[in-house]
N, C-alpha and C. Protein backbone atom coordinates (compact mmCIF):
# COMPACT_ATOMS: atom_id res chain seq x y z
N UNK A 1 4.75 -53.34 -22.98
CA UNK A 1 5.43 -52.32 -22.32
C UNK A 1 5.59 -51.13 -23.35
N UNK A 2 5.81 -51.33 -24.70
CA UNK A 2 5.87 -50.26 -25.55
C UNK A 2 4.59 -49.42 -25.65
N UNK A 3 3.52 -50.09 -25.53
CA UNK A 3 2.08 -49.46 -25.54
C UNK A 3 2.02 -48.59 -24.36
N UNK A 4 2.50 -49.15 -23.17
CA UNK A 4 2.37 -48.18 -22.04
C UNK A 4 3.19 -46.99 -22.10
N UNK A 5 4.44 -47.12 -22.66
CA UNK A 5 5.24 -45.86 -22.93
C UNK A 5 4.65 -44.93 -23.86
N UNK A 6 3.94 -45.40 -24.92
CA UNK A 6 3.27 -44.55 -25.81
C UNK A 6 2.19 -43.80 -25.06
N UNK A 7 1.42 -44.51 -24.27
CA UNK A 7 0.24 -43.93 -23.63
C UNK A 7 0.90 -42.74 -22.71
N UNK A 8 1.82 -43.11 -21.90
CA UNK A 8 2.38 -42.14 -20.97
C UNK A 8 2.93 -40.90 -21.76
N UNK A 9 3.55 -41.11 -22.85
CA UNK A 9 4.20 -40.06 -23.77
C UNK A 9 3.03 -39.19 -24.22
N UNK A 10 2.07 -39.71 -24.77
CA UNK A 10 0.90 -38.97 -25.37
C UNK A 10 0.15 -38.15 -24.21
N UNK A 11 -0.03 -38.81 -23.04
CA UNK A 11 -0.60 -38.14 -21.90
C UNK A 11 0.22 -37.01 -21.53
N UNK A 12 1.48 -37.08 -21.38
CA UNK A 12 2.32 -36.05 -21.02
C UNK A 12 2.35 -34.84 -22.13
N UNK A 13 2.27 -35.11 -23.35
CA UNK A 13 2.17 -34.21 -24.45
C UNK A 13 0.82 -33.32 -24.26
N UNK A 14 -0.25 -34.13 -24.12
CA UNK A 14 -1.56 -33.57 -24.12
C UNK A 14 -1.84 -32.60 -22.95
N UNK A 15 -1.18 -33.09 -21.73
CA UNK A 15 -1.31 -32.31 -20.35
C UNK A 15 -0.47 -31.00 -20.57
N UNK A 16 0.57 -31.12 -21.28
CA UNK A 16 1.43 -30.03 -21.45
C UNK A 16 0.87 -28.87 -22.40
N UNK A 17 -0.07 -29.30 -23.24
CA UNK A 17 -0.65 -28.51 -24.21
C UNK A 17 -1.98 -27.89 -23.67
N UNK A 18 -2.53 -28.49 -22.64
CA UNK A 18 -3.83 -27.78 -22.14
C UNK A 18 -3.52 -26.71 -21.38
N UNK A 19 -4.48 -25.74 -21.30
CA UNK A 19 -4.49 -24.60 -20.54
C UNK A 19 -5.03 -24.74 -19.12
N UNK A 20 -4.07 -24.32 -18.24
CA UNK A 20 -4.33 -24.39 -16.85
C UNK A 20 -5.38 -23.13 -16.44
N UNK A 21 -6.12 -23.44 -15.59
CA UNK A 21 -7.00 -22.34 -15.24
C UNK A 21 -6.55 -21.67 -13.86
N UNK A 22 -5.43 -22.04 -13.43
CA UNK A 22 -4.78 -21.46 -12.31
C UNK A 22 -3.83 -20.38 -12.74
N UNK A 23 -3.73 -19.33 -11.94
CA UNK A 23 -2.80 -18.22 -12.31
C UNK A 23 -1.35 -18.74 -11.83
N UNK A 24 -0.34 -18.12 -12.49
CA UNK A 24 1.11 -18.51 -12.11
C UNK A 24 1.47 -17.76 -11.00
N UNK A 25 0.63 -16.86 -10.39
CA UNK A 25 0.81 -16.15 -9.27
C UNK A 25 -0.24 -16.48 -8.13
N UNK A 26 0.12 -16.42 -7.01
CA UNK A 26 -0.82 -16.70 -5.89
C UNK A 26 -1.79 -15.70 -5.56
N UNK A 27 -2.57 -15.96 -4.71
CA UNK A 27 -3.74 -14.94 -4.21
C UNK A 27 -3.91 -15.05 -3.00
N UNK A 28 -2.87 -14.77 -1.97
CA UNK A 28 -3.05 -14.95 -0.52
C UNK A 28 -2.49 -13.77 0.22
N UNK A 29 -2.51 -12.61 -0.46
CA UNK A 29 -2.06 -11.30 0.34
C UNK A 29 -3.08 -10.94 1.25
N UNK A 30 -2.97 -10.53 2.40
CA UNK A 30 -4.01 -10.06 3.34
C UNK A 30 -4.82 -8.84 2.90
N UNK A 31 -6.21 -9.02 2.93
CA UNK A 31 -7.06 -7.98 2.62
C UNK A 31 -7.65 -7.39 3.86
N UNK A 32 -7.87 -6.17 3.80
CA UNK A 32 -8.69 -5.44 5.06
C UNK A 32 -10.13 -5.79 4.87
N UNK A 33 -10.87 -5.51 5.87
CA UNK A 33 -12.39 -5.64 5.80
C UNK A 33 -13.11 -4.59 5.07
N UNK A 34 -12.33 -3.41 4.61
CA UNK A 34 -12.77 -2.19 4.10
C UNK A 34 -12.99 -2.42 2.53
N UNK A 35 -14.17 -2.08 2.08
CA UNK A 35 -14.36 -2.18 0.59
C UNK A 35 -14.12 -0.95 -0.03
N UNK A 36 -13.67 -0.93 -1.28
CA UNK A 36 -13.41 0.38 -2.07
C UNK A 36 -14.53 0.33 -3.22
N UNK A 37 -15.34 1.25 -3.44
CA UNK A 37 -16.24 1.37 -4.43
C UNK A 37 -15.95 2.25 -5.46
N UNK A 38 -16.26 1.83 -6.74
CA UNK A 38 -16.18 2.76 -7.91
C UNK A 38 -17.29 3.83 -7.82
N UNK A 39 -16.97 5.06 -8.34
CA UNK A 39 -17.87 6.10 -8.42
C UNK A 39 -18.72 6.04 -9.62
N UNK A 40 -18.37 5.28 -10.65
CA UNK A 40 -18.87 5.42 -11.90
C UNK A 40 -19.52 4.07 -12.42
N UNK A 41 -19.02 2.94 -11.92
CA UNK A 41 -19.69 1.63 -12.24
C UNK A 41 -20.02 0.90 -11.08
N UNK A 42 -20.57 -0.42 -11.29
CA UNK A 42 -21.03 -1.17 -10.03
C UNK A 42 -19.96 -2.28 -9.61
N UNK A 43 -18.64 -1.66 -9.44
CA UNK A 43 -17.59 -2.58 -8.99
C UNK A 43 -17.08 -2.11 -7.61
N UNK A 44 -16.76 -3.20 -6.89
CA UNK A 44 -16.19 -2.84 -5.60
C UNK A 44 -15.05 -4.09 -5.12
N UNK A 45 -14.06 -3.84 -4.42
CA UNK A 45 -13.12 -4.81 -4.06
C UNK A 45 -12.60 -4.55 -2.60
N UNK A 46 -12.08 -5.49 -1.78
CA UNK A 46 -11.57 -5.04 -0.59
C UNK A 46 -10.15 -4.52 -0.76
N UNK A 47 -9.74 -3.67 0.21
CA UNK A 47 -8.57 -2.99 -0.03
C UNK A 47 -7.39 -4.00 0.54
N UNK A 48 -6.34 -4.00 -0.10
CA UNK A 48 -5.15 -4.69 0.39
C UNK A 48 -4.66 -4.11 1.75
N UNK A 49 -3.97 -4.94 2.59
CA UNK A 49 -3.45 -4.29 3.80
C UNK A 49 -2.37 -3.29 3.38
N UNK A 50 -2.32 -2.12 3.93
CA UNK A 50 -1.23 -1.10 3.42
C UNK A 50 -1.64 -0.35 2.35
N UNK A 51 -2.98 -0.36 1.88
CA UNK A 51 -3.26 0.35 0.60
C UNK A 51 -4.38 1.33 0.86
N UNK A 52 -4.66 2.28 0.02
CA UNK A 52 -5.88 3.09 0.27
C UNK A 52 -6.51 3.57 -1.20
N UNK A 53 -7.72 4.03 -1.17
CA UNK A 53 -8.40 4.46 -2.38
C UNK A 53 -7.95 5.76 -2.77
N UNK A 54 -7.59 6.03 -4.00
CA UNK A 54 -7.47 7.51 -4.57
C UNK A 54 -8.40 7.74 -5.47
N UNK A 55 -8.56 9.10 -5.81
CA UNK A 55 -9.37 9.62 -6.80
C UNK A 55 -8.62 10.06 -8.05
N UNK A 56 -9.19 9.85 -9.24
CA UNK A 56 -8.66 10.19 -10.42
C UNK A 56 -9.42 11.51 -10.79
N UNK A 57 -8.96 12.72 -10.42
CA UNK A 57 -9.59 13.91 -10.68
C UNK A 57 -9.16 14.57 -11.99
N UNK A 58 -8.21 14.05 -12.67
CA UNK A 58 -7.78 14.79 -13.93
C UNK A 58 -8.49 14.22 -15.11
N UNK A 59 -8.29 13.00 -15.51
CA UNK A 59 -8.92 12.59 -16.72
C UNK A 59 -10.05 11.70 -16.60
N UNK A 60 -10.38 11.14 -15.39
CA UNK A 60 -11.47 10.46 -15.07
C UNK A 60 -11.43 9.02 -15.92
N UNK A 61 -10.04 8.56 -16.22
CA UNK A 61 -10.05 7.30 -16.96
C UNK A 61 -9.82 6.19 -16.15
N UNK A 62 -9.66 6.35 -14.77
CA UNK A 62 -9.47 5.34 -13.92
C UNK A 62 -10.83 5.04 -13.15
N UNK A 63 -11.47 3.81 -13.22
CA UNK A 63 -12.65 3.63 -12.49
C UNK A 63 -12.55 3.47 -11.12
N UNK A 64 -11.62 2.75 -10.70
CA UNK A 64 -11.23 2.40 -9.34
C UNK A 64 -9.73 2.33 -9.23
N UNK A 65 -9.07 3.23 -8.26
CA UNK A 65 -7.75 3.34 -8.11
C UNK A 65 -7.26 3.01 -6.75
N UNK A 66 -6.50 2.04 -6.51
CA UNK A 66 -5.93 1.52 -5.25
C UNK A 66 -4.50 1.92 -5.27
N UNK A 67 -4.07 2.55 -4.17
CA UNK A 67 -2.60 3.04 -4.11
C UNK A 67 -1.94 2.38 -2.80
N UNK A 68 -0.68 1.97 -2.86
CA UNK A 68 0.02 1.45 -1.73
C UNK A 68 0.40 2.76 -0.94
N UNK A 69 0.45 2.57 0.53
CA UNK A 69 0.55 3.78 1.43
C UNK A 69 1.78 4.71 1.09
N UNK A 70 2.85 3.94 0.50
CA UNK A 70 4.03 4.60 0.15
C UNK A 70 4.06 5.20 -1.29
N UNK A 71 2.96 5.13 -1.91
CA UNK A 71 2.67 5.73 -3.25
C UNK A 71 3.65 5.07 -4.44
N UNK A 72 4.22 3.94 -4.18
CA UNK A 72 5.09 3.34 -5.21
C UNK A 72 4.45 2.30 -6.08
N UNK A 73 3.38 1.87 -5.65
CA UNK A 73 2.66 0.77 -6.40
C UNK A 73 1.06 1.32 -6.53
N UNK A 74 0.45 0.91 -7.63
CA UNK A 74 -1.08 1.04 -7.75
C UNK A 74 -1.64 0.02 -8.53
N UNK A 75 -2.92 -0.11 -8.32
CA UNK A 75 -3.88 -1.06 -9.06
C UNK A 75 -5.03 -0.16 -9.62
N UNK A 76 -5.04 -0.15 -10.92
CA UNK A 76 -6.03 0.78 -11.59
C UNK A 76 -6.90 0.07 -12.38
N UNK A 77 -8.22 -0.02 -11.97
CA UNK A 77 -9.35 -0.53 -12.73
C UNK A 77 -9.86 0.38 -13.72
N UNK A 78 -9.91 0.00 -14.97
CA UNK A 78 -10.44 0.81 -15.98
C UNK A 78 -11.43 0.19 -16.73
N UNK A 79 -12.55 0.87 -17.25
CA UNK A 79 -13.61 0.30 -18.08
C UNK A 79 -13.20 0.23 -19.38
N UNK A 80 -13.40 -0.85 -20.22
CA UNK A 80 -13.00 -0.96 -21.54
C UNK A 80 -14.36 -0.87 -22.32
N UNK A 81 -14.46 0.09 -23.13
CA UNK A 81 -15.66 0.33 -23.98
C UNK A 81 -15.43 -0.25 -25.33
N UNK A 82 -16.18 -1.14 -25.88
CA UNK A 82 -16.09 -1.82 -27.08
C UNK A 82 -17.52 -1.66 -27.84
N UNK A 83 -17.32 -1.72 -29.17
CA UNK A 83 -18.59 -1.66 -29.98
C UNK A 83 -19.36 -2.91 -29.72
N UNK A 84 -20.66 -3.05 -30.29
CA UNK A 84 -21.47 -4.37 -30.11
C UNK A 84 -20.93 -5.38 -30.80
N UNK A 85 -20.27 -5.34 -31.89
CA UNK A 85 -19.78 -6.56 -32.65
C UNK A 85 -18.58 -7.10 -31.90
N UNK A 86 -17.71 -6.23 -31.32
CA UNK A 86 -16.59 -6.74 -30.51
C UNK A 86 -17.17 -7.37 -29.21
N UNK A 87 -18.17 -6.84 -28.66
CA UNK A 87 -18.78 -7.21 -27.40
C UNK A 87 -19.31 -8.67 -27.74
N UNK A 88 -20.01 -8.83 -28.64
CA UNK A 88 -20.48 -10.23 -28.98
C UNK A 88 -19.36 -11.23 -29.33
N UNK A 89 -18.29 -10.72 -29.92
CA UNK A 89 -17.13 -11.65 -30.30
C UNK A 89 -16.42 -12.04 -29.01
N UNK A 90 -16.33 -11.16 -28.00
CA UNK A 90 -15.72 -11.41 -26.77
C UNK A 90 -16.46 -12.49 -25.97
N UNK A 91 -17.81 -12.12 -25.89
CA UNK A 91 -18.68 -12.95 -25.00
C UNK A 91 -18.82 -14.35 -25.68
N UNK A 92 -18.73 -14.45 -26.98
CA UNK A 92 -18.75 -15.83 -27.63
C UNK A 92 -17.53 -16.61 -27.59
N UNK A 93 -16.35 -15.88 -27.74
CA UNK A 93 -15.02 -16.46 -27.84
C UNK A 93 -14.09 -16.27 -26.75
N UNK A 94 -14.44 -15.74 -25.71
CA UNK A 94 -13.74 -15.68 -24.53
C UNK A 94 -13.03 -14.33 -24.26
N UNK A 95 -12.52 -14.21 -23.01
CA UNK A 95 -11.90 -13.11 -22.54
C UNK A 95 -10.63 -12.81 -23.24
N UNK A 96 -9.99 -13.88 -23.94
CA UNK A 96 -8.75 -13.67 -24.46
C UNK A 96 -8.94 -12.70 -25.66
N UNK A 97 -10.11 -12.67 -26.41
CA UNK A 97 -10.50 -11.74 -27.48
C UNK A 97 -10.26 -10.25 -26.79
N UNK A 98 -10.57 -10.03 -25.60
CA UNK A 98 -10.54 -8.62 -25.12
C UNK A 98 -9.08 -8.39 -24.74
N UNK A 99 -8.40 -9.48 -24.29
CA UNK A 99 -6.80 -9.30 -24.02
C UNK A 99 -6.11 -8.87 -25.37
N UNK A 100 -6.58 -9.50 -26.62
CA UNK A 100 -5.94 -9.12 -27.76
C UNK A 100 -6.17 -7.73 -28.14
N UNK A 101 -7.37 -7.18 -27.98
CA UNK A 101 -7.60 -5.69 -28.07
C UNK A 101 -6.84 -4.90 -27.16
N UNK A 102 -6.77 -5.38 -26.12
CA UNK A 102 -5.93 -4.56 -25.03
C UNK A 102 -4.47 -4.42 -25.44
N UNK A 103 -3.94 -5.58 -25.98
CA UNK A 103 -2.59 -5.65 -26.38
C UNK A 103 -2.33 -4.75 -27.60
N UNK A 104 -3.21 -4.50 -28.48
CA UNK A 104 -3.07 -3.57 -29.60
C UNK A 104 -2.98 -2.20 -29.09
N UNK A 105 -3.75 -1.86 -28.06
CA UNK A 105 -3.68 -0.57 -27.56
C UNK A 105 -2.24 -0.27 -26.95
N UNK A 106 -1.90 -1.26 -26.13
CA UNK A 106 -0.50 -1.10 -25.42
C UNK A 106 0.65 -1.05 -26.36
N UNK A 107 0.59 -1.83 -27.44
CA UNK A 107 1.63 -1.88 -28.50
C UNK A 107 1.65 -0.41 -29.25
N UNK A 108 0.48 0.15 -29.49
CA UNK A 108 0.44 1.32 -30.32
C UNK A 108 0.91 2.38 -29.31
N UNK A 109 0.51 2.41 -28.00
CA UNK A 109 0.96 3.46 -27.01
C UNK A 109 2.45 3.50 -26.81
N UNK A 110 3.17 2.30 -26.83
CA UNK A 110 4.54 2.18 -26.62
C UNK A 110 5.28 2.50 -27.81
N UNK A 111 4.67 2.21 -29.00
CA UNK A 111 5.35 2.55 -30.30
C UNK A 111 6.74 1.82 -30.34
N UNK A 112 7.84 2.63 -30.56
CA UNK A 112 9.16 2.10 -30.79
C UNK A 112 9.71 1.46 -29.48
N UNK A 113 9.09 1.82 -28.35
CA UNK A 113 9.58 1.27 -27.00
C UNK A 113 9.00 -0.10 -26.78
N UNK A 114 8.11 -0.58 -27.63
CA UNK A 114 7.41 -1.87 -27.39
C UNK A 114 8.48 -3.13 -27.52
N UNK A 115 8.63 -3.86 -26.47
CA UNK A 115 9.43 -5.02 -26.41
C UNK A 115 8.81 -6.31 -26.45
N UNK A 116 7.61 -6.30 -26.38
CA UNK A 116 6.85 -7.65 -26.50
C UNK A 116 6.02 -7.96 -25.15
N UNK A 117 5.19 -8.96 -25.38
CA UNK A 117 4.38 -9.31 -24.14
C UNK A 117 4.89 -10.68 -23.63
N UNK A 118 4.71 -10.98 -22.30
CA UNK A 118 5.08 -12.15 -21.76
C UNK A 118 4.19 -12.68 -20.63
N UNK A 119 4.34 -13.78 -20.19
CA UNK A 119 3.57 -14.54 -19.05
C UNK A 119 2.13 -14.29 -19.40
N UNK A 120 1.69 -14.59 -20.59
CA UNK A 120 0.26 -14.61 -20.88
C UNK A 120 -0.41 -15.64 -20.18
N UNK A 121 -1.71 -15.33 -19.71
CA UNK A 121 -2.25 -16.57 -18.87
C UNK A 121 -3.82 -16.27 -18.88
N UNK A 122 -4.48 -17.45 -18.81
CA UNK A 122 -5.78 -17.48 -18.56
C UNK A 122 -6.16 -18.16 -17.39
N UNK A 123 -6.93 -17.56 -16.51
CA UNK A 123 -7.05 -18.24 -15.10
C UNK A 123 -8.40 -17.82 -14.74
N UNK A 124 -8.86 -18.70 -13.55
CA UNK A 124 -10.22 -18.60 -13.04
C UNK A 124 -9.98 -18.32 -11.55
N UNK A 125 -10.66 -17.40 -10.84
CA UNK A 125 -10.83 -17.22 -9.54
C UNK A 125 -12.43 -17.12 -9.10
N UNK A 126 -12.86 -17.78 -8.22
CA UNK A 126 -14.29 -17.83 -7.86
C UNK A 126 -15.09 -17.92 -9.06
N UNK A 127 -14.77 -18.93 -9.93
CA UNK A 127 -15.75 -19.07 -11.06
C UNK A 127 -15.71 -18.10 -12.15
N UNK A 128 -14.86 -17.08 -11.99
CA UNK A 128 -14.75 -15.99 -13.10
C UNK A 128 -13.45 -16.16 -13.72
N UNK A 129 -13.50 -15.95 -15.02
CA UNK A 129 -12.37 -16.24 -15.97
C UNK A 129 -11.69 -14.94 -16.23
N UNK A 130 -10.45 -14.86 -16.15
CA UNK A 130 -9.52 -13.72 -16.41
C UNK A 130 -8.52 -14.02 -17.48
N UNK A 131 -8.14 -13.01 -18.13
CA UNK A 131 -6.87 -13.11 -19.13
C UNK A 131 -5.87 -12.11 -18.51
N UNK A 132 -4.58 -12.49 -18.62
CA UNK A 132 -3.64 -11.51 -18.09
C UNK A 132 -2.29 -11.62 -18.88
N UNK A 133 -1.48 -10.55 -18.89
CA UNK A 133 -0.33 -10.38 -19.70
C UNK A 133 0.66 -9.41 -19.04
N UNK A 134 1.72 -9.52 -19.21
CA UNK A 134 2.89 -8.54 -18.76
C UNK A 134 3.62 -7.95 -19.85
N UNK A 135 3.99 -6.63 -19.54
CA UNK A 135 4.87 -5.94 -20.71
C UNK A 135 5.81 -4.93 -19.84
N UNK A 136 6.89 -4.51 -20.58
CA UNK A 136 7.83 -3.64 -20.08
C UNK A 136 7.40 -2.16 -20.63
N UNK A 137 7.25 -1.25 -19.66
CA UNK A 137 6.88 0.20 -20.15
C UNK A 137 8.08 0.92 -20.61
N UNK A 138 7.91 2.15 -21.01
CA UNK A 138 9.08 3.04 -21.53
C UNK A 138 10.11 3.01 -20.49
N UNK A 139 9.76 3.09 -19.25
CA UNK A 139 10.88 3.23 -18.15
C UNK A 139 11.69 2.11 -17.70
N UNK A 140 11.26 0.95 -18.52
CA UNK A 140 11.79 -0.35 -18.09
C UNK A 140 11.14 -1.08 -17.04
N UNK A 141 10.04 -0.62 -16.70
CA UNK A 141 9.23 -1.26 -15.40
C UNK A 141 8.23 -2.12 -15.96
N UNK A 142 7.98 -3.26 -15.32
CA UNK A 142 7.04 -4.27 -15.87
C UNK A 142 5.64 -4.08 -15.30
N UNK A 143 4.70 -4.00 -16.19
CA UNK A 143 3.27 -3.83 -15.73
C UNK A 143 2.54 -5.15 -16.02
N UNK A 144 1.59 -5.41 -15.32
CA UNK A 144 0.72 -6.62 -15.55
C UNK A 144 -0.71 -6.16 -15.60
N UNK A 145 -1.39 -6.59 -16.60
CA UNK A 145 -2.78 -6.29 -17.05
C UNK A 145 -3.67 -7.46 -16.86
N UNK A 146 -4.65 -7.40 -16.16
CA UNK A 146 -5.63 -8.60 -16.19
C UNK A 146 -6.93 -7.99 -16.59
N UNK A 147 -7.56 -8.84 -17.54
CA UNK A 147 -8.83 -8.39 -18.12
C UNK A 147 -9.85 -9.34 -17.69
N UNK A 148 -11.11 -8.82 -17.53
CA UNK A 148 -12.33 -9.53 -17.08
C UNK A 148 -13.63 -8.85 -17.45
N UNK A 149 -14.65 -9.51 -17.43
CA UNK A 149 -15.99 -9.02 -17.51
C UNK A 149 -16.77 -9.18 -16.18
N UNK A 150 -17.43 -8.10 -15.83
CA UNK A 150 -18.14 -8.09 -14.56
C UNK A 150 -19.42 -7.18 -14.63
N UNK A 151 -20.54 -7.86 -14.39
CA UNK A 151 -21.74 -7.11 -14.39
C UNK A 151 -22.00 -6.21 -15.64
N UNK A 152 -21.87 -6.79 -16.97
CA UNK A 152 -21.94 -6.35 -18.25
C UNK A 152 -21.09 -5.21 -18.67
N UNK A 153 -19.86 -5.07 -17.88
CA UNK A 153 -18.86 -4.28 -18.28
C UNK A 153 -17.47 -5.17 -18.49
N UNK A 154 -16.58 -4.57 -19.30
CA UNK A 154 -15.38 -5.20 -19.49
C UNK A 154 -14.45 -4.30 -18.61
N UNK A 155 -13.35 -4.97 -18.08
CA UNK A 155 -12.53 -4.10 -17.23
C UNK A 155 -11.00 -4.57 -17.56
N UNK A 156 -10.14 -3.70 -17.35
CA UNK A 156 -8.75 -3.93 -17.31
C UNK A 156 -8.14 -3.50 -15.97
N UNK A 157 -7.40 -4.38 -15.29
CA UNK A 157 -6.91 -3.85 -14.08
C UNK A 157 -5.39 -4.05 -14.20
N UNK A 158 -4.76 -2.82 -14.15
CA UNK A 158 -3.32 -2.70 -14.49
C UNK A 158 -2.56 -2.47 -13.07
N UNK A 159 -1.74 -3.43 -12.93
CA UNK A 159 -0.75 -3.17 -11.84
C UNK A 159 0.49 -2.56 -12.15
N UNK A 160 0.72 -1.32 -11.51
CA UNK A 160 1.86 -0.44 -11.88
C UNK A 160 2.83 -0.23 -10.74
N UNK A 161 4.08 -0.20 -10.80
CA UNK A 161 5.09 0.04 -9.82
C UNK A 161 5.97 1.00 -10.15
N UNK A 162 6.51 1.91 -9.46
CA UNK A 162 7.39 3.02 -9.51
C UNK A 162 8.82 2.30 -9.35
N UNK A 163 8.82 1.12 -8.91
CA UNK A 163 10.26 0.60 -8.77
C UNK A 163 10.49 -0.72 -9.39
N UNK A 164 11.59 -1.03 -9.76
CA UNK A 164 11.86 -2.21 -10.43
C UNK A 164 12.09 -3.30 -9.50
N UNK A 165 11.72 -4.51 -9.88
CA UNK A 165 11.87 -5.63 -8.96
C UNK A 165 10.77 -5.75 -8.02
N UNK A 166 10.82 -6.90 -7.25
CA UNK A 166 9.55 -7.22 -6.38
C UNK A 166 8.17 -7.26 -6.99
N UNK A 167 8.28 -7.50 -8.33
CA UNK A 167 6.92 -7.54 -9.12
C UNK A 167 6.02 -8.64 -8.52
N UNK A 168 6.54 -9.71 -8.19
CA UNK A 168 5.58 -10.95 -7.80
C UNK A 168 4.86 -10.62 -6.64
N UNK A 169 5.15 -9.88 -5.86
CA UNK A 169 4.26 -9.62 -4.72
C UNK A 169 3.25 -8.62 -5.13
N UNK A 170 3.39 -7.72 -6.14
CA UNK A 170 2.40 -6.85 -6.65
C UNK A 170 1.44 -7.78 -7.43
N UNK A 171 1.91 -8.72 -8.23
CA UNK A 171 0.97 -9.53 -8.89
C UNK A 171 0.10 -10.44 -7.98
N UNK A 172 0.72 -10.79 -6.79
CA UNK A 172 -0.11 -11.52 -5.83
C UNK A 172 -1.15 -10.69 -5.35
N UNK A 173 -0.70 -9.32 -5.00
CA UNK A 173 -1.85 -8.50 -4.56
C UNK A 173 -2.98 -8.27 -5.42
N UNK A 174 -2.55 -8.09 -6.76
CA UNK A 174 -3.50 -8.05 -7.79
C UNK A 174 -4.47 -9.09 -7.85
N UNK A 175 -3.93 -10.37 -7.91
CA UNK A 175 -4.77 -11.61 -7.96
C UNK A 175 -5.83 -11.57 -6.61
N UNK A 176 -5.12 -11.28 -5.42
CA UNK A 176 -5.86 -11.36 -4.24
C UNK A 176 -7.11 -10.34 -4.29
N UNK A 177 -6.84 -9.23 -4.74
CA UNK A 177 -7.79 -8.17 -4.89
C UNK A 177 -8.95 -8.73 -5.77
N UNK A 178 -8.65 -9.46 -6.75
CA UNK A 178 -9.74 -9.98 -7.75
C UNK A 178 -10.61 -11.02 -7.14
N UNK A 179 -10.01 -11.66 -6.02
CA UNK A 179 -10.92 -12.63 -5.30
C UNK A 179 -11.96 -11.94 -4.47
N UNK A 180 -11.83 -10.67 -4.20
CA UNK A 180 -12.90 -9.96 -3.49
C UNK A 180 -13.78 -9.18 -4.39
N UNK A 181 -13.59 -9.30 -5.63
CA UNK A 181 -14.52 -8.49 -6.62
C UNK A 181 -15.97 -8.76 -6.27
N UNK A 182 -16.66 -7.56 -6.21
CA UNK A 182 -18.19 -7.74 -6.05
C UNK A 182 -18.85 -6.70 -6.91
């Protein structure tokens, strides 16, 4: 009996330490049949119901920009450019290395307003690996960033809301859009 308890205890510890490849958020938001295409890279996704594609005319820093019809939430796909050494490191050691670089940038951008990262996760959708984290911006609103590699480019998909609360639905939309990645 004592050996059985030890085996159960060790199994529980090991299973709690292992990384789950499921996201903490669902991916079941309705998507339309309409695809949105980047004008600068080879990425496309289906539009979420109640969303449209916008164009970034000012800085050209957003590769693909999806906006909710009421303009209160957006999903911004941005290409992340890295040097060859960093590229090899990310490809050899996993998308988590790209997330670490992204976090350095966010921390530097927020400066004294930086409050930390939370809900870090690594998950898979349709056989593709993603790394995600959340942080609070200067206005006290939570943003979620998902990083991934697609067709030889690294991307950052940032979910941004102009309103506090109801974040989980935005994160579900973000994950659902990723299921349509092409």
